[in-house]
Protein backbone atom coordinates (compact mmCIF):
# COMPACT_ATOMS: atom_id res chain seq x y z
CA MET A 1 0.12 0.01 0.10
CA ASN A 2 1.47 3.51 -0.88
CA LYS A 3 1.99 4.96 2.01
CA SER A 4 0.86 8.65 0.74
CA VAL A 5 -2.98 7.35 1.03
CA THR A 6 -2.35 8.15 4.73
CA HIS A 7 -3.23 11.76 3.61
CA THR A 8 -6.49 11.28 3.07
CA ASN A 9 -7.40 11.01 6.41
CA SER A 10 -7.50 15.14 6.59
CA PHE A 11 -10.75 14.97 4.13
CA ASN A 12 -14.12 15.43 5.24
CA PRO A 13 -15.51 12.11 4.45
CA ILE A 14 -18.66 11.86 1.98
CA SER A 15 -20.99 8.62 1.89
CA LEU A 16 -21.77 6.66 -1.72
CA SER A 17 -25.27 7.62 -1.27
CA GLU A 18 -24.17 11.41 -1.05
CA MET A 19 -22.60 10.79 -4.40
CA ASP A 20 -25.81 10.02 -5.83
CA GLY A 21 -26.00 13.50 -7.69
CA VAL A 22 -22.11 12.96 -9.04
CA LYS A 23 -22.22 9.43 -10.42
CA LEU A 24 -21.53 11.01 -14.07
CA MET A 25 -22.19 8.49 -16.44
CA ASN A 26 -22.12 10.41 -19.06
CA ARG A 27 -19.33 12.70 -18.82
CA SER A 28 -16.03 14.79 -19.95
CA ASP A 29 -12.68 13.40 -18.26
CA THR A 30 -9.22 14.92 -17.96
CA LYS A 31 -6.80 12.75 -17.16
CA PHE A 32 -3.40 13.19 -15.31
CA THR A 33 -0.48 11.02 -15.09
CA PHE A 34 2.71 11.66 -12.47
CA ARG A 35 4.63 10.10 -9.46
CA ALA A 36 3.35 8.57 -7.30
CA ASP A 37 4.99 10.25 -4.55
CA LYS A 38 3.41 13.48 -5.24
CA LEU A 39 0.41 12.60 -3.54
CA PRO A 40 1.23 14.03 -0.21
CA SER A 41 1.53 17.86 -0.88
CA LEU A 42 -1.31 17.37 -4.07
CA PHE A 43 -3.79 16.21 -1.17
CA GLU A 44 -2.51 18.92 1.25
CA ASN A 45 -3.84 21.35 -1.70
CA LEU A 46 -7.00 19.26 -2.26
CA ILE A 47 -8.30 19.43 1.12
CA PRO A 48 -10.13 22.80 1.18
CA PHE A 49 -12.33 21.81 -1.63
CA TYR A 50 -12.90 18.20 -1.71
CA ASN A 51 -14.95 15.42 0.26
CA VAL A 52 -13.03 12.17 0.35
CA LEU A 53 -15.41 9.09 -0.53
CA GLU A 54 -15.67 6.94 2.68
CA ILE A 55 -17.19 2.99 2.61
CA ASP A 56 -16.63 1.47 6.30
CA GLY A 57 -14.47 3.55 7.56
CA LYS A 58 -12.13 2.97 4.32
CA ARG A 59 -11.12 5.90 2.31
CA ILE A 60 -8.62 3.72 -0.25
CA HIS A 61 -10.75 1.06 -2.43
CA SER A 62 -9.85 -2.03 -4.18
CA TYR A 63 -11.06 -2.52 -8.14
CA LYS A 64 -10.68 -5.31 -9.60
CA SER A 65 -11.07 -5.35 -13.36
CA LEU A 66 -11.48 -8.26 -16.11
CA TYR A 67 -11.22 -6.45 -19.69
CA PHE A 68 -12.52 -7.87 -22.68
CA ASP A 69 -11.39 -7.78 -26.47
CA THR A 70 -11.52 -9.42 -29.67
CA ASN A 71 -8.53 -12.18 -30.47
CA ASP A 72 -6.38 -9.20 -32.67
CA ARG A 73 -7.63 -6.53 -30.03
CA LYS A 74 -10.13 -4.12 -31.59
CA PHE A 75 -10.66 -2.09 -28.81
CA TYR A 76 -6.91 -1.61 -28.06
CA LYS A 77 -6.31 -1.23 -31.95
CA ASP A 78 -9.67 1.50 -32.77
CA HIS A 79 -8.09 4.09 -29.63
CA HIS A 80 -4.52 3.76 -30.83
CA ASN A 81 -5.53 4.87 -34.47
CA ARG A 82 -7.82 7.96 -32.98
CA ARG A 83 -10.90 6.22 -33.28
CA VAL A 84 -14.11 7.75 -32.39
CA ASN A 85 -16.96 5.90 -31.03
CA ARG A 86 -14.66 3.05 -29.84
CA HIS A 87 -15.56 1.14 -26.90
CA LYS A 88 -14.06 -0.96 -24.37
CA ILE A 89 -15.80 -4.15 -22.41
CA ARG A 90 -14.69 -5.19 -18.69
CA PHE A 91 -15.89 -6.90 -16.02
CA ARG A 92 -15.12 -4.61 -12.71
CA GLU A 93 -15.41 -5.96 -9.16
CA TYR A 94 -15.82 -2.44 -6.23
CA GLU A 95 -14.41 -5.11 -3.81
CA ASP A 96 -15.19 -2.79 -0.62
CA SER A 97 -18.97 -2.29 -1.88
CA GLY A 98 -19.64 -6.21 -2.11
CA LEU A 99 -20.64 -4.79 -6.17
CA VAL A 100 -19.87 -6.17 -9.63
CA PHE A 101 -20.93 -4.69 -13.33
CA LEU A 102 -20.40 -5.73 -16.74
CA GLU A 103 -19.16 -2.49 -17.92
CA VAL A 104 -19.19 -1.18 -21.65
CA LYS A 105 -17.79 2.21 -22.22
CA CYS A 106 -17.88 4.40 -25.36
CA LYS A 107 -16.21 7.39 -26.43
CA ASN A 108 -18.05 9.36 -28.75
CA ASN A 109 -17.00 11.69 -31.46
CA LYS A 110 -17.75 14.85 -29.34
CA GLY A 111 -15.28 13.19 -26.67
CA LYS A 112 -17.80 12.39 -24.45
CA THR A 113 -17.24 9.02 -22.46
CA ILE A 114 -20.95 7.26 -22.04
CA LYS A 115 -20.81 4.11 -19.12
CA LYS A 116 -23.63 1.91 -19.52
CA ARG A 117 -23.18 -0.79 -17.32
CA LEU A 118 -25.03 -4.46 -15.56
CA LYS A 119 -24.88 -5.58 -12.41
CA VAL A 120 -23.64 -9.11 -12.17
CA ASP A 121 -22.92 -11.83 -9.69
CA GLN A 122 -19.40 -12.02 -10.05
CA ILE A 123 -16.52 -12.02 -12.69
CA PRO A 124 -16.54 -14.44 -14.92
CA THR A 125 -13.97 -15.31 -17.63
CA LYS A 126 -16.33 -15.52 -20.47
CA LEU A 127 -19.48 -13.54 -21.74
CA SER A 128 -22.51 -15.45 -21.14
CA SER A 129 -25.44 -14.96 -23.39
CA GLU A 130 -27.18 -12.49 -21.18
CA HIS A 131 -23.55 -10.76 -21.24
CA GLN A 132 -23.50 -10.62 -24.95
CA SER A 133 -27.17 -9.57 -25.71
CA TYR A 134 -26.34 -6.70 -23.21
CA VAL A 135 -23.24 -5.42 -24.93
CA GLN A 136 -24.92 -6.16 -28.14
CA LYS A 137 -27.33 -3.77 -26.98
CA VAL A 138 -24.94 -1.01 -26.52
CA MET A 139 -22.59 -0.98 -28.63
CA GLY A 140 -25.07 -1.69 -31.74
CA TYR A 141 -23.75 -4.49 -33.10
CA SER A 142 -22.25 -8.63 -32.39
CA LEU A 143 -18.91 -9.13 -31.57
CA SER A 144 -16.90 -12.01 -30.09
CA VAL A 145 -14.52 -11.39 -27.29
CA LEU A 146 -12.27 -12.95 -24.87
CA PRO A 147 -10.65 -12.54 -21.79
CA LYS A 148 -7.33 -10.39 -22.01
CA GLN A 149 -5.51 -9.10 -18.36
CA TRP A 150 -6.81 -7.83 -15.25
CA ILE A 151 -6.00 -4.95 -14.09
CA ASN A 152 -6.26 -3.82 -10.13
CA PHE A 153 -5.83 -0.38 -8.33
CA ASN A 154 -6.43 1.16 -5.62
CA ARG A 155 -8.83 4.45 -5.98
CA ILE A 156 -9.51 7.72 -3.45
CA THR A 157 -12.31 9.34 -5.11
CA LEU A 158 -12.78 12.91 -4.15
CA VAL A 159 -16.23 15.16 -4.72
CA HIS A 160 -15.79 18.68 -4.68
CA LYS A 161 -17.97 20.55 -2.08
CA ILE A 162 -19.77 22.63 -4.80
CA LEU A 163 -18.95 22.31 -8.25
CA LYS A 164 -20.70 18.86 -9.86
CA GLU A 165 -17.04 17.31 -10.23
CA ARG A 166 -15.57 14.02 -9.07
CA LEU A 167 -11.82 13.23 -9.04
CA THR A 168 -10.60 9.79 -8.95
CA ILE A 169 -6.62 8.92 -8.07
CA ASP A 170 -5.77 5.58 -8.96
CA VAL A 171 -2.37 3.87 -7.23
CA ASN A 172 -1.08 0.94 -6.68
CA LEU A 173 -1.34 -0.35 -10.12
CA ASN A 174 -0.51 -4.15 -11.46
CA TYR A 175 -1.56 -5.98 -13.79
CA SER A 176 -1.80 -9.88 -15.57
CA GLU A 177 -2.32 -12.29 -18.10
CA ASN A 178 -1.75 -15.77 -18.23
CA GLU A 179 2.38 -15.70 -17.83
CA SER A 180 3.21 -11.85 -17.61
CA SER A 181 2.48 -8.96 -15.26
CA GLY A 182 3.58 -6.14 -14.35
CA ASP A 183 3.56 -3.86 -11.33
CA LEU A 184 3.40 0.23 -12.01
CA SER A 185 3.28 1.72 -8.28
CA MET A 186 5.29 4.37 -9.04
CA ILE A 187 2.83 6.22 -10.79
CA ALA A 188 -0.93 7.80 -10.03
CA ILE A 189 -3.61 8.41 -12.52
CA ALA A 190 -6.00 11.29 -11.75
CA GLU A 191 -9.40 11.73 -13.51
CA VAL A 192 -11.39 14.48 -13.60
CA LYS A 193 -15.13 13.77 -14.43
CA GLN A 194 -17.18 16.58 -15.24
CA GLU A 195 -20.57 17.20 -16.77
CA ARG A 196 -19.00 19.30 -19.52
CA MET A 197 -15.62 19.96 -19.63
CA SER A 198 -14.36 23.00 -17.31
CA ARG A 199 -11.11 24.70 -16.51
CA THR A 200 -12.36 26.36 -13.58
CA SER A 201 -11.62 23.05 -11.39
CA ASP A 202 -10.07 23.72 -8.67
CA PHE A 203 -7.82 20.08 -8.94
CA ILE A 204 -6.80 21.22 -12.51
CA ARG A 205 -5.45 24.61 -11.02
CA ILE A 206 -3.55 23.12 -8.27
CA ALA A 207 -2.21 20.17 -10.76
CA LYS A 208 -0.86 22.68 -13.26
CA GLU A 209 0.59 24.92 -10.00
CA MET A 210 2.12 21.29 -9.05
CA LYS A 211 3.63 21.19 -12.69
CA ILE A 212 1.20 17.58 -13.26
CA TYR A 213 0.18 18.40 -16.28
CA PRO A 214 -2.72 16.75 -18.56
CA MET A 215 -2.01 13.14 -20.25
CA ARG A 216 -4.49 10.74 -21.16
CA LEU A 217 -3.26 7.19 -20.29
CA SER A 218 -6.02 4.06 -20.93
CA LYS A 219 -4.63 1.45 -18.15
CA TYR A 220 -6.32 -0.98 -20.75
CA CYS A 221 -3.62 0.46 -23.53
CA PHE A 222 -0.49 0.79 -21.33
CA THR A 223 -0.99 -2.45 -19.60
CA THR A 224 -1.34 -4.39 -23.55
CA MET A 225 1.87 -2.77 -24.74
CA GLN A 226 3.77 -4.28 -21.41
CA ILE A 227 2.15 -7.39 -22.31
CA ASP A 228 2.40 -7.46 -26.04
CA ASP A 229 5.99 -6.47 -27.82
CA SER A 230 4.83 -7.24 -31.45
CA ILE A 231 1.11 -4.71 -30.85
CA LYS A 232 1.75 -1.59 -33.15
CA ARG A 233 2.56 1.59 -30.59
CA ASN A 234 3.79 4.34 -32.67
CA ARG A 235 1.22 6.50 -31.51
CA PHE A 236 1.51 5.48 -27.90
CA LYS A 237 5.35 6.33 -28.33
CA GLU A 238 5.57 9.56 -26.25
CA LYS A 239 3.62 8.45 -23.56
CA GLN A 240 5.57 5.22 -23.13
CA ILE A 241 8.71 7.57 -23.06
CA PHE A 242 7.11 9.65 -20.33
CA ILE A 243 5.97 6.51 -18.02
CA ASN A 244 9.51 5.19 -18.28
CA LYS A 245 11.31 7.90 -17.26
CA ILE A 246 8.31 7.89 -14.38
CA ILE A 247 9.22 4.76 -13.60
CA LYS A 248 13.20 4.83 -13.48
CA LYS A 249 13.40 8.48 -11.61
């Protein structure tokens, strides 16, 4: 566990039910990737503006995800090739709340992320007929997909005290696929989720002051590159170099 997460104790708590107004299933996202050792200073600056999600006394929560893709990784390639109206399919277990969902995410041609989800009992290793029907309904077409990699991490969720804005900060990221596995605990990934893009966000302002700049990083795409050396990656090259610098510092 990253020691810096203990700094969340200084935030005022917010419950899961109190977060209903900021679910933001249809939203604009801004991502930031930076060294995890910047978190204590970042949290200190954010305390006046945000509350922290607390579930059963916990302020850092465990997430377990199994991503699905076609055999030739269509979803990865669509993202790499900057296709609009692209999708991701995953099962995600929100371990501390005991909830598991089949989630289908779409990034549309207006830059919006739309997430649809179906509650399930547990994470399966293949889609059932019910799952396939749900995915087809959301995506508008059928597709044969297979389980790819597991991606696990811990998440701190902050909710702005005034604005309709949610901020997630992911730490202790690790991944695995069959015999391949890796650890990315040196990095933190923050994501500002808003109804519509607004630079009035206190996080965005504070991040800029701390020289933390926006950089989109898909956990699925980045870990796919680590697992498959042969996959096309030229459009992600700058991000790979940036992450390598963070890890090697």
